[in-house]
């Protein structure tokens, strides 16, 4: 597996082999600076500016899960990096996992309430270790059944704040990060997240099955349907 980095300003390219104890199969990439990139899949690799290196492989306990997939990595500083994913116990059972990097070590959250809840994205709120987590509900088979948004305090409290359908576009929920701000789509309304509060921002009138939201600030948001 090859990982590439290109500095858009200088045009400098860096290509490295992701050599390690696992095949990577990357699902995500996140960078704090040109010399501080992370990518995750069946493990986490770090780019230091000169090379890629495997820095963390989730511990696998066959009694709980036999394989772990890292689906997202995000952070606010070199000592506050979060990673989420899920561990497969068998073909019908999975457990969501959350990891935190404090600048020295990766540690797994002790939360074990996420049976068949597979986190796909994590968004630090900027309030210490607090995060919003987007996940899919995989109760019945290998196909997602629903979508969920959780508030996570970074320690031991995980609170569900929204849920919706995975397949029915008119009843879905999502998280959007726009210019450092977080927005949550639920019940056909986009809310701005602000220090634990959800401010109603834009109602959504769905015209078809497609919905793309992006922009530069809360006063400059575009919706494509």
Protein backbone atom coordinates (compact mmCIF):
# COMPACT_ATOMS: atom_id res chain seq x y z
CA UNK A 1 0.00 0.00 0.00
CA UNK A 2 1.42 3.41 -1.00
CA UNK A 3 0.58 6.66 0.74
CA UNK A 4 1.14 10.00 -0.97
CA UNK A 5 1.52 13.56 0.25
CA UNK A 6 1.63 16.66 -1.93
CA UNK A 7 2.28 20.22 -0.75
CA UNK A 8 -0.02 22.35 -2.91
CA UNK A 9 2.10 25.46 -2.30
CA UNK A 10 5.51 24.05 -3.17
CA UNK A 11 4.43 21.13 -5.34
CA UNK A 12 6.61 18.81 -3.24
CA UNK A 13 5.49 15.19 -3.33
CA UNK A 14 6.24 12.40 -0.89
CA UNK A 15 5.43 8.78 -1.56
CA UNK A 16 5.99 6.14 1.09
CA UNK A 17 5.30 2.48 1.53
CA UNK A 18 2.92 1.84 4.43
CA UNK A 19 4.96 -1.05 5.74
CA UNK A 20 3.79 -2.54 9.01
CA UNK A 21 2.30 -5.59 10.65
CA UNK A 22 -1.04 -5.09 8.88
CA UNK A 23 -2.22 -4.35 5.36
CA UNK A 24 -3.63 -0.87 5.72
CA UNK A 25 -6.81 -0.72 3.60
CA UNK A 26 -7.24 3.01 4.39
CA UNK A 27 -10.65 4.45 5.27
CA UNK A 28 -9.69 7.98 6.31
CA UNK A 29 -6.93 10.61 6.39
CA UNK A 30 -6.49 13.63 8.64
CA UNK A 31 -3.76 16.25 8.93
CA UNK A 32 -2.90 18.98 11.43
CA UNK A 33 0.01 20.32 9.39
CA UNK A 34 2.28 19.37 6.49
CA UNK A 35 4.37 17.28 8.86
CA UNK A 36 1.55 15.73 10.88
CA UNK A 37 -0.83 13.43 8.98
CA UNK A 38 -2.73 10.35 10.11
CA UNK A 39 -4.47 7.65 8.12
CA UNK A 40 -6.48 4.73 9.43
CA UNK A 41 -7.86 1.38 8.40
CA UNK A 42 -6.70 -1.86 9.99
CA UNK A 43 -4.38 0.28 12.11
CA UNK A 44 -3.16 3.88 12.24
CA UNK A 45 -0.20 5.32 10.33
CA UNK A 46 1.50 8.69 10.81
CA UNK A 47 3.34 10.92 8.34
CA UNK A 48 6.08 12.98 10.01
CA UNK A 49 7.12 15.00 6.96
CA UNK A 50 9.62 12.50 5.65
CA UNK A 51 8.06 9.04 5.97
CA UNK A 52 4.96 7.06 6.93
CA UNK A 53 5.10 4.82 9.99
CA UNK A 54 2.68 2.45 11.65
CA UNK A 55 2.06 3.87 15.13
CA UNK A 56 -0.94 1.96 16.46
CA UNK A 57 -2.66 -1.36 15.87
CA UNK A 58 -5.87 -1.88 17.87
CA UNK A 59 -5.66 -4.73 20.33
CA UNK A 60 -7.83 -7.63 19.22
CA UNK A 61 -9.56 -9.74 21.85
CA UNK A 62 -11.22 -12.72 20.19
CA UNK A 63 -13.77 -12.89 23.02
CA UNK A 64 -15.05 -9.42 22.11
CA UNK A 65 -14.03 -8.87 18.49
CA UNK A 66 -11.64 -10.44 16.04
CA UNK A 67 -10.91 -7.48 13.78
CA UNK A 68 -11.01 -3.69 14.14
CA UNK A 69 -11.53 -1.14 11.35
CA UNK A 70 -10.64 2.54 11.91
CA UNK A 71 -13.17 4.63 9.95
CA UNK A 72 -12.25 8.19 10.95
CA UNK A 73 -9.49 10.25 12.61
CA UNK A 74 -9.79 13.91 13.66
CA UNK A 75 -8.29 16.17 16.26
CA UNK A 76 -7.69 19.70 17.46
CA UNK A 77 -4.01 19.51 18.46
CA UNK A 78 -1.10 17.02 18.52
CA UNK A 79 -2.18 15.88 21.99
CA UNK A 80 -5.91 15.62 21.27
CA UNK A 81 -6.50 13.18 18.41
CA UNK A 82 -9.57 10.95 18.19
CA UNK A 83 -10.22 7.81 16.16
CA UNK A 84 -13.40 5.76 15.80
CA UNK A 85 -14.34 2.51 14.14
CA UNK A 86 -15.82 -0.85 14.93
CA UNK A 87 -14.72 -4.34 15.86
CA UNK A 88 -16.35 -7.41 14.34
CA UNK A 89 -17.18 -10.19 16.77
CA UNK A 90 -18.82 -12.37 14.14
CA UNK A 91 -20.69 -11.79 10.89
CA UNK A 92 -23.79 -10.58 12.78
CA UNK A 93 -22.29 -8.73 15.76
CA UNK A 94 -20.08 -5.65 15.96
CA UNK A 95 -19.02 -3.18 18.64
CA UNK A 96 -18.20 0.48 18.17
CA UNK A 97 -14.76 1.56 19.38
CA UNK A 98 -13.34 4.97 20.30
CA UNK A 99 -9.63 5.78 20.74
CA UNK A 100 -7.86 8.90 21.99
CA UNK A 101 -4.25 10.00 21.50
CA UNK A 102 -2.82 12.30 24.19
CA UNK A 103 0.47 13.00 22.42
CA UNK A 104 2.12 9.89 23.86
CA UNK A 105 -0.27 6.94 23.85
CA UNK A 106 -3.43 5.71 22.18
CA UNK A 107 -6.07 4.59 24.67
CA UNK A 108 -9.41 2.90 24.06
CA UNK A 109 -12.59 4.28 25.59
CA UNK A 110 -14.15 2.01 28.19
CA UNK A 111 -17.63 2.54 26.70
CA UNK A 112 -19.08 -0.87 25.82
CA UNK A 113 -22.68 0.19 25.05
CA UNK A 114 -22.18 0.39 21.29
CA UNK A 115 -23.23 -3.12 20.26
CA UNK A 116 -24.06 -3.14 16.55
CA UNK A 117 -23.49 0.63 16.43
CA UNK A 118 -20.68 1.35 13.98
CA UNK A 119 -19.15 4.85 14.28
CA UNK A 120 -18.13 6.28 10.91
CA UNK A 121 -17.15 9.88 11.77
CA UNK A 122 -16.01 11.77 14.85
CA UNK A 123 -16.00 15.56 15.20
CA UNK A 124 -14.27 17.26 18.16
CA UNK A 125 -16.40 20.21 19.27
CA UNK A 126 -13.51 22.33 20.56
CA UNK A 127 -14.82 22.01 24.12
CA UNK A 128 -11.99 20.03 25.70
CA UNK A 129 -12.45 16.34 24.90
CA UNK A 130 -16.12 16.59 23.87
CA UNK A 131 -17.05 15.16 20.45
CA UNK A 132 -19.99 14.46 18.18
CA UNK A 133 -20.07 11.00 16.62
CA UNK A 134 -21.95 9.92 13.48
CA UNK A 135 -22.72 6.21 13.36
CA UNK A 136 -24.82 3.63 11.51
CA UNK A 137 -27.11 1.20 13.29
CA UNK A 138 -26.38 -2.35 12.11
CA UNK A 139 -28.76 -4.46 14.21
CA UNK A 140 -30.04 -7.08 11.86
CA UNK A 141 -27.54 -7.96 9.16
CA UNK A 142 -24.48 -6.68 7.36
CA UNK A 143 -26.39 -3.74 5.81
CA UNK A 144 -26.94 -0.52 7.81
CA UNK A 145 -30.46 0.01 9.13
CA UNK A 146 -30.31 3.49 10.61
CA UNK A 147 -28.18 6.54 11.30
CA UNK A 148 -27.42 8.07 14.70
CA UNK A 149 -25.66 11.10 16.17
CA UNK A 150 -24.14 10.90 19.64
CA UNK A 151 -22.62 13.41 22.04
CA UNK A 152 -19.55 11.98 23.72
CA UNK A 153 -17.96 13.73 26.70
CA UNK A 154 -14.56 12.15 26.03
CA UNK A 155 -14.73 9.98 29.13
CA UNK A 156 -17.66 7.76 30.00
CA UNK A 157 -20.87 9.43 28.84
CA UNK A 158 -22.36 8.70 25.42
CA UNK A 159 -25.70 10.39 24.70
CA UNK A 160 -27.82 9.78 21.61
CA UNK A 161 -29.20 13.08 20.31
CA UNK A 162 -30.63 12.11 16.91
CA UNK A 163 -31.55 9.05 14.89
CA UNK A 164 -32.92 8.38 11.45
CA UNK A 165 -33.14 5.98 8.56
CA UNK A 166 -30.16 4.93 6.45
CA UNK A 167 -32.21 4.22 3.34
CA UNK A 168 -35.08 6.73 3.57
CA UNK A 169 -33.55 10.05 2.57
CA UNK A 170 -36.40 12.06 4.12
CA UNK A 171 -35.66 10.63 7.57
CA UNK A 172 -31.88 10.72 7.85
CA UNK A 173 -29.46 12.50 10.12
CA UNK A 174 -25.93 13.74 9.39
CA UNK A 175 -23.15 15.90 10.81
CA UNK A 176 -21.43 18.57 8.70
CA UNK A 177 -18.25 20.44 9.54
CA UNK A 178 -18.13 23.87 7.86
CA UNK A 179 -15.31 26.32 8.57
CA UNK A 180 -14.63 24.86 12.00
CA UNK A 181 -18.31 24.85 12.99
CA UNK A 182 -20.52 21.78 13.41
CA UNK A 183 -24.01 21.40 11.98
CA UNK A 184 -26.44 18.54 12.54
CA UNK A 185 -29.17 17.55 10.09
CA UNK A 186 -32.18 15.96 11.82
CA UNK A 187 -35.93 15.96 11.27
CA UNK A 188 -35.49 17.84 7.96
CA UNK A 189 -33.82 20.77 9.73
CA UNK A 190 -30.16 21.81 9.90
CA UNK A 191 -29.09 22.85 13.39
CA UNK A 192 -25.94 24.69 14.41
CA UNK A 193 -24.15 23.04 17.32
CA UNK A 194 -23.04 25.63 19.85
CA UNK A 195 -21.66 24.61 23.26
CA UNK A 196 -24.09 21.78 23.83
CA UNK A 197 -27.06 23.59 22.27
CA UNK A 198 -28.70 23.04 18.89
CA UNK A 199 -29.82 26.23 17.17
CA UNK A 200 -32.35 25.83 14.37
CA UNK A 201 -30.74 27.21 11.22
CA UNK A 202 -32.29 26.03 7.93
CA UNK A 203 -35.40 23.90 7.19
CA UNK A 204 -34.88 21.39 4.37
CA UNK A 205 -37.47 20.76 1.68
CA UNK A 206 -36.46 17.52 0.07
CA UNK A 207 -36.92 17.35 -3.68
CA UNK A 208 -35.27 14.01 -4.42
CA UNK A 209 -32.97 11.43 -2.89
CA UNK A 210 -29.82 13.51 -3.19
CA UNK A 211 -28.64 16.06 -0.64
CA UNK A 212 -25.22 17.74 -0.45
CA UNK A 213 -24.48 20.49 2.05
CA UNK A 214 -21.36 22.66 2.10
CA UNK A 215 -20.13 26.20 2.53
CA UNK A 216 -17.75 28.61 4.24
CA UNK A 217 -19.75 29.76 7.28
CA UNK A 218 -23.23 29.58 8.80
CA UNK A 219 -24.21 32.61 6.69
CA UNK A 220 -22.83 31.03 3.52
CA UNK A 221 -24.23 27.49 3.28
CA UNK A 222 -25.24 25.87 0.00
CA UNK A 223 -27.66 22.98 -0.35
CA UNK A 224 -27.71 20.84 -3.49
CA UNK A 225 -30.70 18.54 -4.02
